[in-house]
């Protein structure tokens, strides 16, 4: 059934297709033609213990590998520099394909934003990023090109291209591309030429290569700023510049300092007021600064750019427009689409993090969430709040931030309540969107210390221990396990440890192991870190998750960082050759370090290392420098505003 979902791409190609689960493999999955191989964790699913999230993960990994039968196997990139031609397409179509199987999940139009676009823009907003197409001169360069830039940025650029071309024209162009190059090789220019021809047949003349070379051969992405013209009515000023989280890095990197980055940007815009939104218009922005006339733009109207976040760029506005958008969200948020609401939240948090916006703007935006009934904006807010939470969670005034977030979550948490258990063997019991929304709100409530949420989690864990029957609803088990371990005594930790060893379900094993990292007891965290390197106790591919999750725990961050440095030789020997593993580990252990002392430790540690992970360490240093800079420049401003907001 999965295969037929993709026959629309190349209708005449059919082949037998088998899936094989193996206990150990260096990659999550591999797309051998006709026989794809998966580690057990990414394909084996037990309906009696697996959550909707796990079903989603398994579905998307399988669809990804099936997509490779066309993008990668039927048509193979000419050279490694364009590995994104297969990985970007497979990653994009895993969302399209999952929509075919589960139309109600709305993956391509919604979940793509939080899980692909927002995630990769964090990485691509660093000065240490690189273009999607990278030069590969020797064998050791090959592993380097398989990263989230190739997969996720590749997918985001393909989505942008499909949207500005129009999906039906884009699909016809892809069919031609696969037909022309089947059983052979193709380069990115072959794709651009075929897509330009498809547009020409439709009466449109766009040089796709000229547009897309700027997006694939330049690193990073632009931030568009839209300013109202104070001297002329109905006119706006649009500027573009290279978005960087820590602007100081531009002065350190000569390549950035001397390079005037420009993109041809398909900027879609609408104008709206409290009850009405205009139809969508598109402006191609290609200069650093441009003036444009917008009819129907009056003093009471707001303007919104990058509609449904189909473009790979951020949008900033003057403060007056931000205020109008915030007012719109509070009065009637449904005037804006679900994707637009999620996009506004992510852009605002990222722009504030980089210093383009005052720190209070994103926190003011999320005040409307008490009225939000859709999953995606909550998910975007949760993902945007997470790194901010980790920047603040070891600070004295942390409880002020904590209290503000709990205030925004409380109403929806009470409204939605907890799921009832259902052991009918069906994973898709209720509406996916509703269940995922409830899960997101429960996770926020428990993470930030809602008393009822803590009490409920503790009761469910205690009931399991006393009855030896696990009645915890599947979709919130990971939240309950983690919360229970963090609140209750060592006996609960030992109980979860015992269950981790006795369960045979791989999805359950994974969340039990991660729950053990939630403890507030530093001795238990140290014990777990040391056990993680014993392959007979913890699988090699799972040990990385243990170390990373301990690093995310404020009680264990310094322990994981010390463990990482002390055991680096063992870890590097074990994971140095495995795709993604080393970079995932380095990023996961260091991304929330945020003191001058930790930055110094990281730089000193790097001095003794010059291996294949050098690029990952450079990214880590830039991230920690940006963390330290943010705290120095903005934490007082943030806490000051939060204090005032809580008093009113």
Foldseek 3Di string as FASTA:
>chain_A
DLLVLPCLLAVVDDDAAEEAEDQDDLDQWDQDQRYIYGHCQLADDFLQFAAPVSVLSNQLVVQLSSQCNQQPNQENAPDLLLNLSNQLRSLLVSQVSVCVVVVLVNRNLFVLCLPFQLVVLVVLQAPLFAFLRDDDDDPLCRLVNPDSCSRRVSNLVLLLVCVVLPVVLLSVLSNVLSVVATPHYDHVVSSQVSSQVSSVVVVDHDNSCVQCCLRRHGTAAKEWEWEADPPDPQKIKIFIAGRHLAVVVCVVDVVNVPDGRWHFWFKKKWKAALPDIHDIDTDGDTHRMDMDGHPPDDPRIAMDICASVSTNYAYHYPVSNLVRLLVSLQRPVVNHPLSSLLRVLSNVLSCVLSPNDAPCSSLSSLLSVLVDQWQRNLSSNLVSVLLVLLLPVVDPLSLLVLVSLLVSLVNVCVVLDADFADSPSDNCDDRPGNLNNNLSSLLSCLVSPPPVSLVVLLVQLVCCVVVVDRRHHSNNVLSSLLSNQAPDDVVSLVVLLVVLVPDPRSSSVLSSLLSNLNHLDQVSLLVSLVCLLVCVRHPVQSSLVSLLSNCSHPSRLVVSVVSCLVCVVVNCVSSVPRRPSVLSSLCSNQLSQAAPVVLVVLVVSCVPDDDSCNSSSVSSSSNNVSSNVCCVPRPVSNSVVSVVVVVD
